[in-house]
Amino acid sequence: MNLSEWFSDFCAELTVKDGGIISTRYKNITKRLNTDYWSTTFDTNHSLYVGSYGRGTATQGFSDLDMIFRLPDKEYEKYNNYADNGQSALLQAVKKSIEKTYPTSSIRGDSQVISVPFNDGITFEVVPAFAKNDDSFTFPDANNGGSWKTTDPKPEIEAIRNRDNVCNGNLKRLCRMMRAWKRKWEVPIGGLLIDTLAYQFIENWKYRDKSYLYYDYMSRDFFKWMSEQDSKKTYWRSPGSSQYVYVKDLFQYKAKKCYKISLEAIQHETTDPRSAKQKWREIYGTTFPD
């Protein structure tokens, strides 16, 4: 097995393999909500995958799947006129609707989402929302007495997809690889920030049109690039929507450590392949081939 096969197999292991089950649940939830709110039985209309799954950067074994369900505008008018926390009442109403399809699930409706957990560890986080004229969404926040917030996931999804297409599929795979690194090293960094940093890095990476044979260099160069980011910076702007993506804690130190390990791995690739693979496993964990 050569270097290209190492990273090809690694990326294949990271790819989500539960797509059929996920799609069935997504359609069941959508159909239920369409029945109750739009008087139709369509199982895809008014719904949108968002978050890492929507951007195509989630990895196998992920736990939370985010989806938006668009409600009719009359529902906004109804709950906006509540004297006290109409946002919470809206979440509870959508929760009751979903419970008609999943009556035995421990469904929760609080804060900003309705959480629908399944036995395989995946939880659907359903965000009831209202479409705005600019294609963004208004959604309820039940915290602190209730308010309305705005989210704009469509431009993020499109920006990631477009850059991935012109980079030979390398962007989304890099995002998934960095999620493996995050888990292995317990890096305090959110998924959207990973995707934002990878999006910015790969724009000017000289091998962005290559494939798996260059993934050792891609790893090395991205770790170096991350380690050099300003440690005083508190947020970045997301692709497409330019929303604020805040830093949870410093990630630069662990990126620098893995940059140094990647240099050792590359040094061993031709002389001692087994040692090289162990170095990559030190960075990415046991999902990387042994």
Protein backbone atom coordinates (compact mmCIF):
# COMPACT_ATOMS: atom_id res chain seq x y z
CA MET A 1 0.00 0.00 0.00
CA ASN A 2 1.46 3.38 -1.03
CA LEU A 3 0.99 6.87 0.36
CA SER A 4 -1.93 7.65 -1.90
CA GLU A 5 -3.74 4.51 -0.76
CA TRP A 6 -3.11 5.33 2.92
CA PHE A 7 -4.94 8.63 2.63
CA SER A 8 -7.57 7.30 0.23
CA ASP A 9 -8.49 4.56 2.71
CA PHE A 10 -8.39 7.06 5.58
CA CYS A 11 -10.78 9.42 3.82
CA ALA A 12 -13.07 6.54 2.88
CA GLU A 13 -13.30 5.55 6.55
CA LEU A 14 -14.22 9.13 7.48
CA THR A 15 -17.04 9.37 4.93
CA VAL A 16 -20.54 9.10 6.41
CA LYS A 17 -21.99 5.66 5.64
CA ASP A 18 -25.42 6.03 7.25
CA GLY A 19 -26.88 8.13 4.46
CA GLY A 20 -29.86 5.87 3.83
CA ILE A 21 -30.94 5.79 7.47
CA ILE A 22 -30.38 9.53 7.80
CA SER A 23 -32.43 10.24 4.68
CA THR A 24 -35.32 8.09 5.92
CA ARG A 25 -35.46 9.91 9.25
CA TYR A 26 -35.14 13.30 7.56
CA LYS A 27 -38.04 12.46 5.26
CA ASN A 28 -40.17 11.10 8.10
CA ILE A 29 -39.73 14.28 10.14
CA THR A 30 -40.32 16.48 7.10
CA LYS A 31 -43.45 14.58 6.06
CA ARG A 32 -44.88 14.84 9.57
CA LEU A 33 -44.29 18.58 9.78
CA ASN A 34 -45.54 19.17 6.23
CA THR A 35 -48.73 17.30 7.12
CA ASP A 36 -49.37 19.43 10.17
CA TYR A 37 -48.20 22.82 8.91
CA TRP A 38 -48.56 22.79 5.12
CA SER A 39 -51.38 20.22 4.60
CA THR A 40 -49.17 18.16 2.27
CA THR A 41 -47.42 14.80 2.58
CA PHE A 42 -44.23 15.77 0.74
CA ASP A 43 -41.17 14.40 2.49
CA THR A 44 -38.52 16.84 1.25
CA ASN A 45 -40.28 20.18 0.73
CA HIS A 46 -39.60 22.99 3.23
CA SER A 47 -36.61 21.16 4.76
CA LEU A 48 -32.88 21.72 4.49
CA TYR A 49 -29.85 19.88 5.81
CA VAL A 50 -27.56 22.40 7.51
CA GLY A 51 -24.53 22.23 9.80
CA SER A 52 -21.62 19.96 8.93
CA TYR A 53 -23.86 17.37 7.26
CA GLY A 54 -25.40 20.05 5.06
CA ARG A 55 -21.94 21.35 4.14
CA GLY A 56 -20.76 17.81 3.38
CA THR A 57 -17.98 17.92 5.99
CA ALA A 58 -19.39 15.58 8.65
CA THR A 59 -17.57 12.33 9.40
CA GLN A 60 -18.77 8.83 10.13
CA GLY A 61 -19.74 8.62 13.78
CA PHE A 62 -20.95 12.21 14.07
CA SER A 63 -23.63 12.72 16.71
CA ASP A 64 -25.73 15.76 15.80
CA LEU A 65 -27.49 16.36 12.50
CA ASP A 66 -28.92 19.83 11.97
CA MET A 67 -31.94 20.47 9.78
CA ILE A 68 -34.13 23.50 9.19
CA PHE A 69 -37.85 23.16 8.62
CA ARG A 70 -39.53 26.20 7.13
CA LEU A 71 -42.88 27.09 8.68
CA PRO A 72 -45.66 29.21 7.11
CA ASP A 73 -45.41 32.94 7.87
CA LYS A 74 -48.74 32.86 9.70
CA GLU A 75 -47.06 30.80 12.43
CA TYR A 76 -44.58 33.60 13.00
CA GLU A 77 -47.39 36.10 13.37
CA LYS A 78 -49.15 33.79 15.81
CA TYR A 79 -46.20 33.20 18.12
CA ASN A 80 -44.72 36.68 17.79
CA ASN A 81 -47.95 38.04 19.28
CA TYR A 82 -47.58 35.96 22.45
CA ALA A 83 -47.32 38.06 25.59
CA ASP A 84 -44.69 35.77 27.05
CA ASN A 85 -42.05 33.67 25.21
CA GLY A 86 -43.91 32.70 22.07
CA GLN A 87 -40.62 31.19 20.91
CA SER A 88 -40.81 28.51 23.60
CA ALA A 89 -44.45 27.82 22.73
CA LEU A 90 -43.50 27.41 19.07
CA LEU A 91 -40.78 24.90 19.91
CA GLN A 92 -43.21 22.91 22.04
CA ALA A 93 -45.80 22.86 19.25
CA VAL A 94 -43.29 21.55 16.71
CA LYS A 95 -42.11 19.00 19.29
CA LYS A 96 -45.66 17.67 19.67
CA SER A 97 -45.97 17.34 15.92
CA ILE A 98 -42.77 15.28 15.61
CA GLU A 99 -43.87 13.08 18.53
CA LYS A 100 -46.74 11.82 16.36
CA THR A 101 -44.15 10.05 14.21
CA TYR A 102 -41.64 9.22 16.97
CA PRO A 103 -43.78 8.78 20.11
CA THR A 104 -41.22 6.69 22.01
CA SER A 105 -38.25 9.03 21.48
CA SER A 106 -37.08 11.26 24.29
CA ILE A 107 -37.72 14.36 22.24
CA ARG A 108 -36.80 17.71 23.79
CA GLY A 109 -37.87 21.15 22.67
CA ASP A 110 -35.86 23.86 24.33
CA SER A 111 -33.45 26.71 23.67
CA GLN A 112 -33.41 26.90 19.84
CA VAL A 113 -34.07 23.37 18.54
CA ILE A 114 -36.15 20.25 18.89
CA SER A 115 -33.79 17.36 19.65
CA VAL A 116 -34.84 13.96 18.31
CA PRO A 117 -32.44 11.26 19.58
CA PHE A 118 -32.09 7.81 18.00
CA ASN A 119 -30.66 4.61 19.41
CA ASP A 120 -27.60 4.63 17.12
CA GLY A 121 -26.31 7.81 18.75
CA ILE A 122 -27.43 10.29 16.09
CA THR A 123 -29.64 13.15 17.28
CA PHE A 124 -31.59 15.24 14.80
CA GLU A 125 -31.59 18.90 15.81
CA VAL A 126 -34.66 20.36 14.11
CA VAL A 127 -34.77 24.15 13.80
CA PRO A 128 -38.23 25.53 12.98
CA ALA A 129 -37.70 28.68 10.95
CA PHE A 130 -39.22 31.30 8.70
CA ALA A 131 -37.79 32.30 5.33
CA LYS A 132 -36.71 35.91 4.86
CA ASN A 133 -36.59 37.83 1.58
CA ASP A 134 -32.80 37.49 1.39
CA ASP A 135 -33.02 33.67 1.67
CA SER A 136 -31.82 33.63 5.27
CA PHE A 137 -34.03 32.32 8.09
CA THR A 138 -35.55 33.64 11.29
CA PHE A 139 -35.67 31.08 14.09
CA PRO A 140 -36.86 31.06 17.72
CA ASP A 141 -34.61 31.37 20.75
CA ALA A 142 -36.46 30.50 23.97
CA ASN A 143 -33.65 31.68 26.24
CA ASN A 144 -34.01 34.77 28.44
CA GLY A 145 -37.69 35.25 27.85
CA GLY A 146 -37.62 34.55 24.12
CA SER A 147 -36.35 36.31 21.00
CA TRP A 148 -35.88 35.80 17.27
CA LYS A 149 -32.48 35.09 15.72
CA THR A 150 -31.22 34.93 12.13
CA THR A 151 -29.20 32.21 10.42
CA ASP A 152 -27.93 32.09 6.85
CA PRO A 153 -26.69 28.57 6.02
CA LYS A 154 -27.35 28.44 2.27
CA PRO A 155 -24.42 30.67 1.23
CA GLU A 156 -22.10 28.63 3.49
CA ILE A 157 -23.21 25.38 1.87
CA GLU A 158 -22.80 26.85 -1.61
CA ALA A 159 -19.39 28.40 -0.89
CA ILE A 160 -17.97 25.14 0.49
CA ARG A 161 -19.41 23.17 -2.44
CA ASN A 162 -18.08 25.57 -5.07
CA ARG A 163 -14.57 25.71 -3.64
CA ASP A 164 -14.52 21.95 -3.17
CA ASN A 165 -15.44 21.53 -6.84
CA VAL A 166 -12.54 23.68 -8.05
CA CYS A 167 -10.12 21.99 -5.63
CA ASN A 168 -10.67 18.43 -6.85
CA GLY A 169 -12.75 17.48 -3.81
CA ASN A 170 -9.87 18.27 -1.47
CA LEU A 171 -11.65 20.86 0.69
CA LYS A 172 -14.34 18.61 2.13
CA ARG A 173 -11.86 15.79 2.68
CA LEU A 174 -9.51 18.17 4.49
CA CYS A 175 -12.40 19.27 6.72
CA ARG A 176 -13.15 15.65 7.60
CA MET A 177 -9.48 14.87 8.26
CA MET A 178 -9.29 17.80 10.65
CA ARG A 179 -12.31 16.48 12.53
CA ALA A 180 -10.38 13.25 13.07
CA TRP A 181 -7.46 15.34 14.36
CA LYS A 182 -9.81 17.29 16.61
CA ARG A 183 -11.12 14.06 18.19
CA LYS A 184 -7.67 12.51 18.61
CA TRP A 185 -6.10 15.61 20.15
CA GLU A 186 -9.23 16.97 21.86
CA VAL A 187 -8.79 20.30 20.12
CA PRO A 188 -11.19 22.99 21.39
CA ILE A 189 -12.43 24.01 17.95
CA GLY A 190 -15.92 23.93 16.45
CA GLY A 191 -16.84 22.29 13.16
CA LEU A 192 -17.73 25.53 11.39
CA LEU A 193 -14.39 27.05 12.38
CA ILE A 194 -12.58 23.98 11.00
CA ASP A 195 -14.45 24.41 7.72
CA THR A 196 -13.79 28.16 7.67
CA LEU A 197 -10.05 27.76 8.22
CA ALA A 198 -9.78 24.96 5.67
CA TYR A 199 -11.73 27.06 3.16
CA GLN A 200 -9.34 29.98 3.58
CA PHE A 201 -6.18 27.83 3.54
CA ILE A 202 -6.93 25.80 0.43
CA GLU A 203 -7.71 28.83 -1.73
CA ASN A 204 -3.99 29.55 -2.11
CA TRP A 205 -2.49 26.11 -1.46
CA LYS A 206 -0.34 25.31 -4.48
CA TYR A 207 -1.37 21.65 -4.70
CA ARG A 208 -5.13 22.23 -4.32
CA ASP A 209 -5.86 20.51 -7.65
CA LYS A 210 -3.90 17.34 -6.78
CA SER A 211 -5.21 14.27 -4.96
CA TYR A 212 -4.33 11.76 -2.25
CA LEU A 213 -0.64 11.55 -3.13
CA TYR A 214 -0.28 15.11 -1.82
CA TYR A 215 -2.31 14.67 1.38
CA ASP A 216 0.79 14.37 3.50
CA TYR A 217 1.80 17.81 2.24
CA MET A 218 -1.74 19.10 2.68
CA SER A 219 -1.71 17.96 6.31
CA ARG A 220 1.74 19.42 6.94
CA ASP A 221 0.97 22.75 5.29
CA PHE A 222 -2.42 23.17 6.94
CA PHE A 223 -1.06 22.43 10.41
CA LYS A 224 1.69 24.98 9.80
CA TRP A 225 -0.81 27.54 8.51
CA MET A 226 -3.08 27.02 11.52
CA SER A 227 -0.21 27.26 13.98
CA GLU A 228 0.64 30.68 12.55
CA GLN A 229 -2.84 32.17 13.02
CA ASP A 230 -3.02 35.10 15.42
CA SER A 231 -3.65 33.68 18.90
CA LYS A 232 -5.33 36.94 19.92
CA LYS A 233 -7.94 36.67 17.19
CA THR A 234 -11.36 35.84 18.64
CA TYR A 235 -13.39 35.14 15.49
CA TRP A 236 -13.25 34.42 11.77
CA ARG A 237 -15.87 35.05 9.07
CA SER A 238 -17.57 31.98 7.66
CA PRO A 239 -17.57 31.21 3.93
CA GLY A 240 -20.50 32.62 2.02
CA SER A 241 -22.53 34.17 4.82
CA SER A 242 -19.62 35.94 6.56
CA GLN A 243 -21.20 35.24 9.94
CA TYR A 244 -18.97 35.48 13.01
CA VAL A 245 -17.37 32.14 13.94
CA TYR A 246 -15.91 32.46 17.41
CA VAL A 247 -12.90 30.62 18.80
CA LYS A 248 -13.61 28.33 21.75
CA ASP A 249 -10.00 28.23 22.89
CA LEU A 250 -6.49 28.24 21.43
CA PHE A 251 -5.81 25.60 18.79
CA GLN A 252 -2.45 26.90 17.54
CA TYR A 253 -0.25 24.98 19.98
CA LYS A 254 -1.67 21.56 19.07
CA ALA A 255 -1.51 22.45 15.38
CA LYS A 256 2.18 23.28 15.78
CA LYS A 257 2.87 19.98 17.55
CA CYS A 258 1.19 18.06 14.75
CA TYR A 259 3.05 20.07 12.14
CA LYS A 260 6.28 18.80 13.68
CA ILE A 261 4.97 15.22 13.77
CA SER A 262 3.93 15.52 10.12
CA LEU A 263 7.49 16.49 9.21
CA GLU A 264 8.71 13.30 10.87
CA ALA A 265 6.06 11.25 9.08
CA ILE A 266 7.05 12.64 5.68
CA GLN A 267 10.73 12.03 6.42
CA HIS A 268 9.99 8.33 7.07
CA GLU A 269 7.64 7.71 4.12
CA THR A 270 10.29 6.39 1.74
CA THR A 271 12.75 4.85 4.22
CA ASP A 272 10.44 3.43 6.89
CA PRO A 273 6.79 3.39 5.77
CA ARG A 274 5.56 1.67 8.91
CA SER A 275 7.03 4.38 11.13
CA ALA A 276 5.48 6.99 8.85
CA LYS A 277 2.03 5.43 9.21
CA GLN A 278 2.41 5.35 12.98
CA LYS A 279 3.20 9.06 12.93
CA TRP A 280 0.07 9.76 10.90
CA ARG A 281 -1.94 7.63 13.35
CA GLU A 282 -0.42 9.70 16.15
CA ILE A 283 -1.95 12.73 14.46
CA TYR A 284 -5.25 11.34 13.20
CA GLY A 285 -6.01 8.40 15.45
CA THR A 286 -6.84 4.79 14.72
CA THR A 287 -9.05 5.61 11.74
CA PHE A 288 -5.83 6.10 9.78
CA PRO A 289 -4.78 2.69 8.36
CA ASP A 290 -2.29 0.63 10.37
